[in-house]
Amino acid sequence: CTALLQAEVNIVQAIPLIIRPHGNPAVALMVDNLEMAMETLTSKGFTMLTEGDLAEEE
């Protein structure tokens, strides 16, 4: 993700999710700086999901 690259946040793992919350594609990311990644992605218009959000879809 370009936004994370510009913020100098490294992606350790990226896993596409089979569950599509609210019909939208989703990806689980493991990063080296969670707080910076969340701040960066939120500022770029991405939506953060929690385990609870995913459990509601089941």
PDB file of N, CA and C in Angstrom:
ATOM      1  N   CYS A   1       0.839  -1.166   0.000  1.00  0.00           N
ATOM      2  CA  CYS A   1       0.000   0.000   0.000  1.00  0.00           C
ATOM      3  C   CYS A   1       0.895   1.243   0.000  1.00  0.00           C
ATOM      4  N   THR A   2       0.678   2.102  -0.935  1.00  0.00           N
ATOM      5  CA  THR A   2       1.494   3.303  -1.089  1.00  0.00           C
ATOM      6  C   THR A   2       1.449   4.188   0.151  1.00  0.00           C
ATOM      7  N   ALA A   3       0.282   4.300   0.769  1.00  0.00           N
ATOM      8  CA  ALA A   3       0.149   5.150   1.960  1.00  0.00           C
ATOM      9  C   ALA A   3       1.066   4.664   3.077  1.00  0.00           C
ATOM     10  N   LEU A   4       1.132   3.362   3.291  1.00  0.00           N
ATOM     11  CA  LEU A   4       1.996   2.827   4.341  1.00  0.00           C
ATOM     12  C   LEU A   4       3.464   2.977   3.969  1.00  0.00           C
ATOM     13  N   LEU A   5       3.790   2.813   2.709  1.00  0.00           N
ATOM     14  CA  LEU A   5       5.163   2.990   2.241  1.00  0.00           C
ATOM     15  C   LEU A   5       5.627   4.418   2.509  1.00  0.00           C
ATOM     16  N   GLN A   6       4.792   5.393   2.184  1.00  0.00           N
ATOM     17  CA  GLN A   6       5.142   6.796   2.405  1.00  0.00           C
ATOM     18  C   GLN A   6       5.298   7.112   3.888  1.00  0.00           C
ATOM     19  N   ALA A   7       4.535   6.428   4.742  1.00  0.00           N
ATOM     20  CA  ALA A   7       4.622   6.638   6.191  1.00  0.00           C
ATOM     21  C   ALA A   7       5.738   5.805   6.816  1.00  0.00           C
ATOM     22  N   GLU A   8       6.471   5.070   5.991  1.00  0.00           N
ATOM     23  CA  GLU A   8       7.568   4.204   6.427  1.00  0.00           C
ATOM     24  C   GLU A   8       7.108   3.128   7.407  1.00  0.00           C
ATOM     25  N   VAL A   9       5.931   2.550   7.114  1.00  0.00           N
ATOM     26  CA  VAL A   9       5.401   1.434   7.893  1.00  0.00           C
ATOM     27  C   VAL A   9       5.599   0.172   7.060  1.00  0.00           C
ATOM     28  N   ASN A  10       6.261  -0.816   7.628  1.00  0.00           N
ATOM     29  CA  ASN A  10       6.505  -2.071   6.921  1.00  0.00           C
ATOM     30  C   ASN A  10       5.347  -3.039   7.105  1.00  0.00           C
ATOM     31  N   ILE A  11       4.929  -3.666   6.008  1.00  0.00           N
ATOM     32  CA  ILE A  11       3.908  -4.712   6.064  1.00  0.00           C
ATOM     33  C   ILE A  11       4.632  -6.039   6.229  1.00  0.00           C
ATOM     34  N   VAL A  12       4.361  -6.729   7.332  1.00  0.00           N
ATOM     35  CA  VAL A  12       4.980  -8.022   7.610  1.00  0.00           C
ATOM     36  C   VAL A  12       4.213  -9.119   6.880  1.00  0.00           C
ATOM     37  N   GLN A  13       2.881  -9.093   6.972  1.00  0.00           N
ATOM     38  CA  GLN A  13       2.019 -10.053   6.284  1.00  0.00           C
ATOM     39  C   GLN A  13       0.762  -9.352   5.801  1.00  0.00           C
ATOM     40  N   ALA A  14       0.251  -9.801   4.668  1.00  0.00           N
ATOM     41  CA  ALA A  14      -1.031  -9.323   4.147  1.00  0.00           C
ATOM     42  C   ALA A  14      -1.845 -10.549   3.756  1.00  0.00           C
ATOM     43  N   ILE A  15      -3.043 -10.661   4.310  1.00  0.00           N
ATOM     44  CA  ILE A  15      -3.876 -11.840   4.084  1.00  0.00           C
ATOM     45  C   ILE A  15      -5.253 -11.392   3.604  1.00  0.00           C
ATOM     46  N   PRO A  16      -5.634 -11.755   2.373  1.00  0.00           N
ATOM     47  CA  PRO A  16      -6.987 -11.407   1.913  1.00  0.00           C
ATOM     48  C   PRO A  16      -8.018 -12.227   2.689  1.00  0.00           C
ATOM     49  N   LEU A  17      -9.099 -11.583   3.083  1.00  0.00           N
ATOM     50  CA  LEU A  17     -10.135 -12.264   3.858  1.00  0.00           C
ATOM     51  C   LEU A  17     -11.223 -12.796   2.936  1.00  0.00           C
ATOM     52  N   ILE A  18     -11.682 -13.994   3.240  1.00  0.00           N
ATOM     53  CA  ILE A  18     -12.779 -14.589   2.480  1.00  0.00           C
ATOM     54  C   ILE A  18     -14.085 -13.892   2.839  1.00  0.00           C
ATOM     55  N   ILE A  19     -14.214 -13.523   4.126  1.00  0.00           N
ATOM     56  CA  ILE A  19     -15.398 -12.789   4.581  1.00  0.00           C
ATOM     57  C   ILE A  19     -15.350 -11.397   3.965  1.00  0.00           C
ATOM     58  N   ARG A  20     -16.489 -10.949   3.426  1.00  0.00           N
ATOM     59  CA  ARG A  20     -16.557  -9.619   2.822  1.00  0.00           C
ATOM     60  C   ARG A  20     -17.498  -8.752   3.653  1.00  0.00           C
ATOM     61  N   PRO A  21     -16.958  -8.063   4.667  1.00  0.00           N
ATOM     62  CA  PRO A  21     -17.805  -7.241   5.537  1.00  0.00           C
ATOM     63  C   PRO A  21     -18.578  -6.189   4.747  1.00  0.00           C
ATOM     64  N   HIS A  22     -19.886  -6.178   4.919  1.00  0.00           N
ATOM     65  CA  HIS A  22     -20.761  -5.221   4.229  1.00  0.00           C
ATOM     66  C   HIS A  22     -20.602  -5.308   2.711  1.00  0.00           C
ATOM     67  N   GLY A  23     -20.168  -6.480   2.209  1.00  0.00           N
ATOM     68  CA  GLY A  23     -20.008  -6.682   0.776  1.00  0.00           C
ATOM     69  C   GLY A  23     -18.731  -6.108   0.195  1.00  0.00           C
ATOM     70  N   ASN A  24     -17.852  -5.591   1.037  1.00  0.00           N
ATOM     71  CA  ASN A  24     -16.607  -4.982   0.565  1.00  0.00           C
ATOM     72  C   ASN A  24     -15.427  -5.923   0.759  1.00  0.00           C
ATOM     73  N   PRO A  25     -14.442  -5.867  -0.131  1.00  0.00           N
ATOM     74  CA  PRO A  25     -13.243  -6.686   0.064  1.00  0.00           C
ATOM     75  C   PRO A  25     -12.479  -6.208   1.299  1.00  0.00           C
ATOM     76  N   ALA A  26     -11.769  -7.134   1.944  1.00  0.00           N
ATOM     77  CA  ALA A  26     -11.008  -6.788   3.149  1.00  0.00           C
ATOM     78  C   ALA A  26      -9.691  -7.555   3.167  1.00  0.00           C
ATOM     79  N   VAL A  27      -8.698  -6.945   3.778  1.00  0.00           N
ATOM     80  CA  VAL A  27      -7.374  -7.549   3.901  1.00  0.00           C
ATOM     81  C   VAL A  27      -6.916  -7.390   5.349  1.00  0.00           C
ATOM     82  N   ALA A  28      -6.384  -8.462   5.916  1.00  0.00           N
ATOM     83  CA  ALA A  28      -5.783  -8.393   7.250  1.00  0.00           C
ATOM     84  C   ALA A  28      -4.304  -8.077   7.070  1.00  0.00           C
ATOM     85  N   LEU A  29      -3.828  -7.075   7.791  1.00  0.00           N
ATOM     86  CA  LEU A  29      -2.429  -6.672   7.684  1.00  0.00           C
ATOM     87  C   LEU A  29      -1.718  -6.841   9.015  1.00  0.00           C
ATOM     88  N   MET A  30      -0.493  -7.356   8.964  1.00  0.00           N
ATOM     89  CA  MET A  30       0.395  -7.340  10.118  1.00  0.00           C
ATOM     90  C   MET A  30       1.486  -6.332   9.765  1.00  0.00           C
ATOM     91  N   VAL A  31       1.638  -5.317  10.606  1.00  0.00           N
ATOM     92  CA  VAL A  31       2.594  -4.246  10.332  1.00  0.00           C
ATOM     93  C   VAL A  31       3.553  -4.087  11.502  1.00  0.00           C
ATOM     94  N   ASP A  32       4.646  -3.360  11.258  1.00  0.00           N
ATOM     95  CA  ASP A  32       5.630  -3.171  12.322  1.00  0.00           C
ATOM     96  C   ASP A  32       5.304  -1.996  13.247  1.00  0.00           C
ATOM     97  N   ASN A  33       4.354  -1.158  12.868  1.00  0.00           N
ATOM     98  CA  ASN A  33       3.960  -0.021  13.706  1.00  0.00           C
ATOM     99  C   ASN A  33       2.448   0.142  13.582  1.00  0.00           C
ATOM    100  N   LEU A  34       1.719  -0.528  14.455  1.00  0.00           N
ATOM    101  CA  LEU A  34       0.261  -0.583  14.362  1.00  0.00           C
ATOM    102  C   LEU A  34      -0.384   0.796  14.473  1.00  0.00           C
ATOM    103  N   GLU A  35       0.044   1.586  15.445  1.00  0.00           N
ATOM    104  CA  GLU A  35      -0.570   2.903  15.640  1.00  0.00           C
ATOM    105  C   GLU A  35      -0.387   3.795  14.414  1.00  0.00           C
ATOM    106  N   MET A  36       0.819   3.831  13.857  1.00  0.00           N
ATOM    107  CA  MET A  36       1.082   4.657  12.677  1.00  0.00           C
ATOM    108  C   MET A  36       0.301   4.132  11.477  1.00  0.00           C
ATOM    109  N   ALA A  37       0.211   2.810  11.336  1.00  0.00           N
ATOM    110  CA  ALA A  37      -0.535   2.222  10.221  1.00  0.00           C
ATOM    111  C   ALA A  37      -2.011   2.588  10.308  1.00  0.00           C
ATOM    112  N   MET A  38      -2.595   2.476  11.496  1.00  0.00           N
ATOM    113  CA  MET A  38      -4.013   2.804  11.661  1.00  0.00           C
ATOM    114  C   MET A  38      -4.268   4.285  11.385  1.00  0.00           C
ATOM    115  N   GLU A  39      -3.402   5.144  11.891  1.00  0.00           N
ATOM    116  CA  GLU A  39      -3.542   6.587  11.665  1.00  0.00           C
ATOM    117  C   GLU A  39      -3.429   6.912  10.177  1.00  0.00           C
ATOM    118  N   THR A  40      -2.448   6.324   9.514  1.00  0.00           N
ATOM    119  CA  THR A  40      -2.217   6.581   8.091  1.00  0.00           C
ATOM    120  C   THR A  40      -3.380   6.092   7.244  1.00  0.00           C
ATOM    121  N   LEU A  41      -3.802   4.860   7.460  1.00  0.00           N
ATOM    122  CA  LEU A  41      -4.881   4.300   6.647  1.00  0.00           C
ATOM    123  C   LEU A  41      -6.208   5.011   6.890  1.00  0.00           C
ATOM    124  N   THR A  42      -6.486   5.371   8.135  1.00  0.00           N
ATOM    125  CA  THR A  42      -7.713   6.107   8.438  1.00  0.00           C
ATOM    126  C   THR A  42      -7.711   7.461   7.733  1.00  0.00           C
ATOM    127  N   SER A  43      -6.570   8.144   7.736  1.00  0.00           N
ATOM    128  CA  SER A  43      -6.485   9.456   7.085  1.00  0.00           C
ATOM    129  C   SER A  43      -6.646   9.357   5.573  1.00  0.00           C
ATOM    130  N   LYS A  44      -6.376   8.182   5.007  1.00  0.00           N
ATOM    131  CA  LYS A  44      -6.521   7.969   3.564  1.00  0.00           C
ATOM    132  C   LYS A  44      -7.889   7.398   3.193  1.00  0.00           C
ATOM    133  N   GLY A  45      -8.787   7.272   4.182  1.00  0.00           N
ATOM    134  CA  GLY A  45     -10.151   6.838   3.896  1.00  0.00           C
ATOM    135  C   GLY A  45     -10.410   5.350   4.043  1.00  0.00           C
ATOM    136  N   PHE A  46      -9.431   4.600   4.532  1.00  0.00           N
ATOM    137  CA  PHE A  46      -9.640   3.177   4.768  1.00  0.00           C
ATOM    138  C   PHE A  46     -10.418   2.994   6.066  1.00  0.00           C
ATOM    139  N   THR A  47     -11.170   1.909   6.165  1.00  0.00           N
ATOM    140  CA  THR A  47     -11.946   1.595   7.359  1.00  0.00           C
ATOM    141  C   THR A  47     -11.271   0.456   8.105  1.00  0.00           C
ATOM    142  N   MET A  48     -11.075   0.637   9.412  1.00  0.00           N
ATOM    143  CA  MET A  48     -10.483  -0.399  10.240  1.00  0.00           C
ATOM    144  C   MET A  48     -11.591  -1.300  10.772  1.00  0.00           C
ATOM    145  N   LEU A  49     -11.363  -2.595  10.722  1.00  0.00           N
ATOM    146  CA  LEU A  49     -12.310  -3.573  11.256  1.00  0.00           C
ATOM    147  C   LEU A  49     -11.684  -4.269  12.450  1.00  0.00           C
ATOM    148  N   THR A  50     -12.523  -4.623  13.405  1.00  0.00           N
ATOM    149  CA  THR A  50     -12.058  -5.376  14.562  1.00  0.00           C
ATOM    150  C   THR A  50     -12.534  -6.822  14.431  1.00  0.00           C
ATOM    151  N   GLU A  51     -12.071  -7.668  15.328  1.00  0.00           N
ATOM    152  CA  GLU A  51     -12.558  -9.046  15.338  1.00  0.00           C
ATOM    153  C   GLU A  51     -14.064  -9.066  15.538  1.00  0.00           C
ATOM    154  N   GLY A  52     -14.568  -8.156  16.352  1.00  0.00           N
ATOM    155  CA  GLY A  52     -16.007  -8.063  16.595  1.00  0.00           C
ATOM    156  C   GLY A  52     -16.785  -7.748  15.332  1.00  0.00           C
ATOM    157  N   ASP A  53     -16.245  -6.864  14.501  1.00  0.00           N
ATOM    158  CA  ASP A  53     -16.892  -6.531  13.230  1.00  0.00           C
ATOM    159  C   ASP A  53     -17.001  -7.766  12.346  1.00  0.00           C
ATOM    160  N   LEU A  54     -15.951  -8.568  12.326  1.00  0.00           N
ATOM    161  CA  LEU A  54     -15.950  -9.773  11.494  1.00  0.00           C
ATOM    162  C   LEU A  54     -16.884 -10.835  12.063  1.00  0.00           C
ATOM    163  N   ALA A  55     -16.974 -10.932  13.386  1.00  0.00           N
ATOM    164  CA  ALA A  55     -17.848 -11.920  14.020  1.00  0.00           C
ATOM    165  C   ALA A  55     -19.313 -11.629  13.714  1.00  0.00           C
ATOM    166  N   GLU A  56     -19.670 -10.358  13.573  1.00  0.00           N
ATOM    167  CA  GLU A  56     -21.048  -9.981  13.262  1.00  0.00           C
ATOM    168  C   GLU A  56     -21.471 -10.458  11.887  1.00  0.00           C
ATOM    169  N   GLU A  57     -20.519 -10.689  10.992  1.00  0.00           N
ATOM    170  CA  GLU A  57     -20.808 -11.105   9.621  1.00  0.00           C
ATOM    171  C   GLU A  57     -21.123 -12.588   9.518  1.00  0.00           C
ATOM    172  N   GLU A  58     -20.736 -13.373  10.524  1.00  0.00           N
ATOM    173  CA  GLU A  58     -20.899 -14.831  10.440  1.00  0.00           C
ATOM    174  C   GLU A  58     -22.326 -15.251  10.543  1.00  0.00           C
TER     175      GLU A  58
END
